[in-house]
Amino acid sequence: MLLDEFGFHIADEFDLELLEGIKSGFFKEDTLQVHANKLHEQFVARDRNNDAEDSLKTAWKLYHNSFDGNEAEVIEAIFDACKKYVNFVTPTNLGGAMMLLKDLNQPEKARELLDYYIEKRSENRDLFDLEDNPFGDDISDPELRTAFVEKYASFTDTRSPHEVFIRIAKDGIWGRDDMILLSKLSKDDFYSIFKGLKGRDLSRAINRGLKIGDKDDPSEEQRKISVGIKEALTKIARESHINQRRVQQKYGVEIDD
């Protein structure tokens, strides 16, 4: 009740460190400073986000809120706001700004804005994956879509496809990045993986692998993985009569004579 009167509802790491200091009779200044800095950064980021959102809205209001002959002002306001607050501009916002600039006969500015966006946000790989973006289908500008596809493809996935497949076999969870990586595996790669596994690890890897392509509308990567796995199992089945029986009866993969 006392805490409620003070409006105190949630204790974060900073609060817990303060409490520990009260209990022990002294404060660990270095640790306290770390938590204080984190809290400060959260407040600063929130304030910046609010400022960016307000500025972007103000720029678009020049377009939406009147029939004034302010074309040049609208162009500069939206162009400048998107560049100044580029870290807060979503791909959908960028697409909208580019379409407006092009419709107002400013294709050079639209391209400049796109290039600037890609340069400043270049470390965020997931940002350029429009297929995984819930609003990706709403982005229709072909120039933006092409640039994002090329940028996304430029990132190198340094993970081991073998290790990723084994991890998926264990937890049954995968994402689009995993599918892109695994689609690079050949039937011989899957063959080596299956031949190197035993017991539950083997059955789990095959069953989970077969499920990857067992979708109503599998992606190109999922289809490729499914083909590779089935070809690997076919190769194993043709090694002996007992393996053919295992593959067909246990995993349901038909083997052509």
Protein backbone atom coordinates (compact mmCIF):
# COMPACT_ATOMS: atom_id res chain seq x y z
CA MET A 1 0.00 0.00 0.00
CA LEU A 2 2.83 2.35 0.83
CA LEU A 3 4.53 1.69 -2.52
CA ASP A 4 1.24 2.25 -4.36
CA GLU A 5 0.89 5.65 -2.67
CA PHE A 6 4.31 6.57 -4.02
CA GLY A 7 3.33 5.38 -7.49
CA PHE A 8 5.97 2.66 -7.40
CA HIS A 9 4.88 -0.44 -9.35
CA ILE A 10 7.89 -2.09 -11.01
CA ALA A 11 11.45 -2.59 -9.72
CA ASP A 12 14.16 -2.55 -12.38
CA GLU A 13 17.87 -3.41 -12.07
CA PHE A 14 18.66 0.11 -10.91
CA ASP A 15 16.10 -0.15 -8.08
CA LEU A 16 17.46 -3.53 -7.01
CA GLU A 17 21.00 -2.18 -6.89
CA LEU A 18 19.82 0.72 -4.73
CA LEU A 19 18.03 -1.72 -2.44
CA GLU A 20 21.17 -3.82 -2.14
CA GLY A 21 23.12 -0.71 -1.11
CA ILE A 22 20.55 0.12 1.55
CA LYS A 23 20.76 -3.42 2.92
CA SER A 24 24.56 -3.55 2.99
CA GLY A 25 25.04 0.01 4.22
CA PHE A 26 27.13 1.15 1.24
CA PHE A 27 26.78 1.49 -2.54
CA LYS A 28 28.97 -0.04 -5.24
CA GLU A 29 29.54 3.09 -7.27
CA ASP A 30 30.74 1.39 -10.48
CA THR A 31 27.80 -1.03 -10.62
CA LEU A 32 25.35 1.70 -9.71
CA GLN A 33 26.73 3.90 -12.51
CA VAL A 34 26.25 1.13 -15.10
CA HIS A 35 22.55 0.73 -14.23
CA ALA A 36 22.06 4.49 -14.02
CA ASN A 37 23.57 4.94 -17.49
CA LYS A 38 21.26 2.28 -18.94
CA LEU A 39 18.23 4.01 -17.45
CA HIS A 40 19.42 7.37 -18.79
CA GLU A 41 19.86 5.94 -22.29
CA GLN A 42 16.31 4.57 -22.19
CA PHE A 43 14.91 8.02 -21.38
CA VAL A 44 17.05 9.69 -24.06
CA ALA A 45 16.00 7.12 -26.69
CA ARG A 46 12.35 7.59 -25.77
CA ASP A 47 12.64 11.37 -26.05
CA ARG A 48 14.43 11.11 -29.40
CA ASN A 49 11.80 8.74 -30.70
CA ASN A 50 9.04 11.15 -29.67
CA ASP A 51 10.87 14.07 -31.31
CA ALA A 52 11.37 12.07 -34.51
CA GLU A 53 7.75 10.95 -34.64
CA ASP A 54 6.50 14.51 -34.07
CA SER A 55 8.82 15.93 -36.73
CA LEU A 56 7.86 13.34 -39.33
CA LYS A 57 4.16 13.90 -38.63
CA THR A 58 4.62 17.67 -38.93
CA ALA A 59 6.32 17.25 -42.31
CA TRP A 60 3.47 15.10 -43.65
CA LYS A 61 0.85 17.50 -42.27
CA LEU A 62 2.08 20.07 -44.80
CA TYR A 63 0.87 17.66 -47.48
CA HIS A 64 -2.31 16.32 -45.88
CA ASN A 65 -3.78 19.35 -44.12
CA SER A 66 -4.36 21.92 -46.84
CA PHE A 67 -4.82 22.71 -50.52
CA ASP A 68 -2.06 25.33 -50.42
CA GLY A 69 0.30 25.67 -53.35
CA ASN A 70 3.21 24.55 -51.16
CA GLU A 71 4.72 21.82 -53.31
CA ALA A 72 8.32 22.93 -52.83
CA GLU A 73 7.84 23.24 -49.08
CA VAL A 74 6.29 19.76 -48.83
CA ILE A 75 9.12 18.22 -50.84
CA GLU A 76 11.84 19.76 -48.72
CA ALA A 77 10.08 19.12 -45.39
CA ILE A 78 9.52 15.39 -46.01
CA PHE A 79 12.93 14.90 -47.62
CA ASP A 80 14.77 16.68 -44.79
CA ALA A 81 12.76 15.01 -41.99
CA CYS A 82 13.37 11.53 -43.40
CA LYS A 83 17.10 12.18 -43.62
CA LYS A 84 17.39 13.83 -40.20
CA TYR A 85 15.45 11.08 -38.44
CA VAL A 86 16.52 8.24 -40.73
CA ASN A 87 16.98 5.83 -37.81
CA PHE A 88 13.28 6.13 -36.99
CA VAL A 89 11.95 5.82 -40.54
CA THR A 90 10.41 2.42 -41.31
CA PRO A 91 10.63 0.83 -44.77
CA THR A 92 6.91 1.57 -45.18
CA ASN A 93 7.47 5.25 -44.35
CA LEU A 94 10.39 5.35 -46.76
CA GLY A 95 8.28 3.85 -49.52
CA GLY A 96 5.55 6.43 -48.96
CA ALA A 97 8.04 9.30 -49.06
CA MET A 98 9.66 7.99 -52.24
CA MET A 99 6.31 7.60 -54.00
CA LEU A 100 5.33 11.15 -53.11
CA LEU A 101 8.65 12.56 -54.30
CA LYS A 102 8.36 10.69 -57.60
CA ASP A 103 4.76 11.80 -58.10
CA LEU A 104 5.95 15.38 -57.58
CA ASN A 105 8.60 14.93 -60.30
CA GLN A 106 11.51 14.50 -57.90
CA PRO A 107 12.90 11.03 -58.80
CA GLU A 108 16.47 12.16 -58.06
CA LYS A 109 15.53 13.11 -54.51
CA ALA A 110 13.70 9.80 -54.09
CA ARG A 111 16.81 7.89 -55.15
CA GLU A 112 19.03 10.07 -52.96
CA LEU A 113 16.78 9.36 -49.98
CA LEU A 114 16.87 5.62 -50.71
CA ASP A 115 20.67 5.57 -51.00
CA TYR A 116 21.02 7.61 -47.80
CA TYR A 117 18.66 5.25 -45.95
CA ILE A 118 20.57 2.14 -47.02
CA GLU A 119 23.89 3.74 -46.08
CA LYS A 120 22.78 4.84 -42.61
CA ARG A 121 20.83 1.66 -41.77
CA SER A 122 23.29 -0.73 -43.40
CA GLU A 123 24.04 -2.75 -40.25
CA ASN A 124 20.43 -3.79 -39.66
CA ARG A 125 20.13 -6.94 -41.78
CA ASP A 126 16.55 -7.79 -40.80
CA LEU A 127 15.37 -4.32 -41.84
CA PHE A 128 15.94 -5.16 -45.51
CA ASP A 129 14.02 -8.45 -45.42
CA LEU A 130 10.69 -7.34 -46.89
CA GLU A 131 9.38 -10.90 -47.00
CA ASP A 132 9.57 -11.11 -43.21
CA ASN A 133 8.12 -7.61 -42.76
CA PRO A 134 4.39 -7.75 -41.88
CA PHE A 135 3.89 -4.63 -44.02
CA GLY A 136 6.29 -5.68 -46.76
CA ASP A 137 3.51 -6.31 -49.28
CA ASP A 138 2.35 -2.69 -48.86
CA ILE A 139 5.65 -1.42 -50.24
CA SER A 140 5.09 -1.20 -53.99
CA ASP A 141 7.91 1.03 -55.20
CA PRO A 142 9.97 -1.27 -57.47
CA GLU A 143 13.17 0.72 -57.02
CA LEU A 144 12.96 0.37 -53.24
CA ARG A 145 12.10 -3.33 -53.40
CA THR A 146 15.01 -4.08 -55.75
CA ALA A 147 17.47 -2.11 -53.60
CA PHE A 148 16.30 -3.87 -50.43
CA VAL A 149 16.57 -7.32 -52.02
CA GLU A 150 20.10 -6.58 -53.20
CA LYS A 151 21.10 -5.17 -49.82
CA TYR A 152 19.66 -8.14 -47.95
CA ALA A 153 21.48 -10.57 -50.24
CA SER A 154 24.77 -8.75 -49.62
CA PHE A 155 24.90 -9.88 -45.99
CA THR A 156 26.96 -13.00 -45.33
CA ASP A 157 25.62 -15.67 -43.00
CA THR A 158 28.72 -17.10 -41.31
CA ARG A 159 26.88 -19.83 -39.42
CA SER A 160 27.50 -23.48 -40.17
CA PRO A 161 24.55 -24.94 -42.14
CA HIS A 162 25.25 -28.29 -40.51
CA GLU A 163 25.00 -26.83 -36.99
CA VAL A 164 21.87 -24.86 -37.89
CA PHE A 165 20.16 -28.02 -39.17
CA ILE A 166 21.07 -29.93 -36.00
CA ARG A 167 19.72 -27.07 -33.89
CA ILE A 168 16.44 -27.08 -35.84
CA ALA A 169 16.24 -30.84 -35.37
CA LYS A 170 16.40 -30.31 -31.61
CA ASP A 171 14.03 -27.38 -31.08
CA GLY A 172 11.84 -27.55 -34.19
CA ILE A 173 12.04 -23.77 -34.71
CA TRP A 174 13.37 -22.05 -37.80
CA GLY A 175 13.27 -18.68 -39.48
CA ARG A 176 13.70 -17.44 -43.02
CA ASP A 177 17.45 -16.88 -42.51
CA ASP A 178 17.76 -20.54 -41.51
CA MET A 179 15.92 -21.64 -44.64
CA ILE A 180 18.13 -19.53 -46.89
CA LEU A 181 21.23 -21.01 -45.29
CA LEU A 182 20.01 -24.62 -45.38
CA SER A 183 18.94 -24.32 -49.02
CA LYS A 184 22.65 -24.22 -49.83
CA LEU A 185 23.06 -27.80 -48.58
CA SER A 186 23.22 -30.49 -51.27
CA LYS A 187 21.79 -34.00 -51.08
CA ASP A 188 25.31 -35.21 -50.26
CA ASP A 189 25.46 -32.78 -47.34
CA PHE A 190 22.19 -34.14 -45.94
CA TYR A 191 23.43 -37.66 -46.62
CA SER A 192 26.53 -37.02 -44.49
CA ILE A 193 24.44 -35.50 -41.70
CA PHE A 194 22.02 -38.45 -41.56
CA LYS A 195 24.79 -41.04 -41.74
CA GLY A 196 26.55 -39.36 -38.83
CA LEU A 197 23.56 -39.36 -36.49
CA LYS A 198 22.23 -42.15 -34.30
CA GLY A 199 19.14 -42.92 -32.25
CA ARG A 200 16.74 -40.13 -31.37
CA ASP A 201 18.97 -37.49 -32.94
CA LEU A 202 18.65 -39.26 -36.29
CA SER A 203 14.88 -39.75 -36.27
CA ARG A 204 14.30 -36.22 -34.98
CA ALA A 205 16.53 -34.70 -37.68
CA ILE A 206 14.76 -36.60 -40.48
CA ASN A 207 11.23 -35.96 -39.19
CA ARG A 208 11.86 -32.26 -38.58
CA GLY A 209 13.63 -31.96 -41.91
CA LEU A 210 10.72 -33.51 -43.81
CA LYS A 211 8.31 -31.10 -42.10
CA ILE A 212 10.17 -28.11 -43.51
CA GLY A 213 8.73 -28.71 -46.96
CA ASP A 214 5.41 -30.04 -45.72
CA LYS A 215 3.53 -26.77 -46.21
CA ASP A 216 0.61 -25.71 -48.39
CA ASP A 217 2.74 -23.01 -49.98
CA PRO A 218 6.43 -23.70 -49.23
CA SER A 219 9.01 -21.11 -50.19
CA GLU A 220 11.61 -21.77 -52.87
CA GLU A 221 14.19 -22.41 -50.15
CA GLN A 222 11.91 -24.86 -48.32
CA ARG A 223 11.22 -26.77 -51.54
CA LYS A 224 14.94 -27.02 -52.25
CA ILE A 225 15.65 -28.30 -48.72
CA SER A 226 12.84 -30.85 -48.98
CA VAL A 227 14.18 -32.15 -52.30
CA GLY A 228 17.70 -32.42 -50.89
CA ILE A 229 16.53 -34.35 -47.84
CA LYS A 230 14.42 -36.79 -49.86
CA GLU A 231 17.24 -37.36 -52.36
CA ALA A 232 19.62 -38.05 -49.47
CA LEU A 233 17.17 -40.55 -47.97
CA THR A 234 16.73 -42.16 -51.37
CA LYS A 235 20.49 -42.55 -51.65
CA ILE A 236 20.58 -44.17 -48.21
CA ALA A 237 17.66 -46.46 -49.07
CA ARG A 238 19.42 -47.77 -52.17
CA GLU A 239 22.44 -48.83 -50.16
CA SER A 240 20.69 -51.93 -48.79
CA HIS A 241 17.35 -53.67 -48.51
CA ILE A 242 17.13 -52.94 -44.77
CA ASN A 243 17.77 -49.24 -45.31
CA GLN A 244 15.08 -49.11 -47.99
CA ARG A 245 12.66 -50.64 -45.51
CA ARG A 246 13.69 -48.14 -42.83
CA VAL A 247 13.28 -45.13 -45.10
CA GLN A 248 9.94 -46.23 -46.51
CA GLN A 249 8.23 -47.57 -43.42
CA LYS A 250 9.63 -45.31 -40.71
CA TYR A 251 9.78 -42.03 -42.62
CA GLY A 252 7.20 -42.56 -45.34
CA VAL A 253 9.51 -41.74 -48.24
CA GLU A 254 8.64 -43.79 -51.33
CA ILE A 255 11.58 -45.19 -53.25
CA ASP A 256 11.19 -45.75 -56.99
CA ASP A 257 12.55 -49.00 -58.28
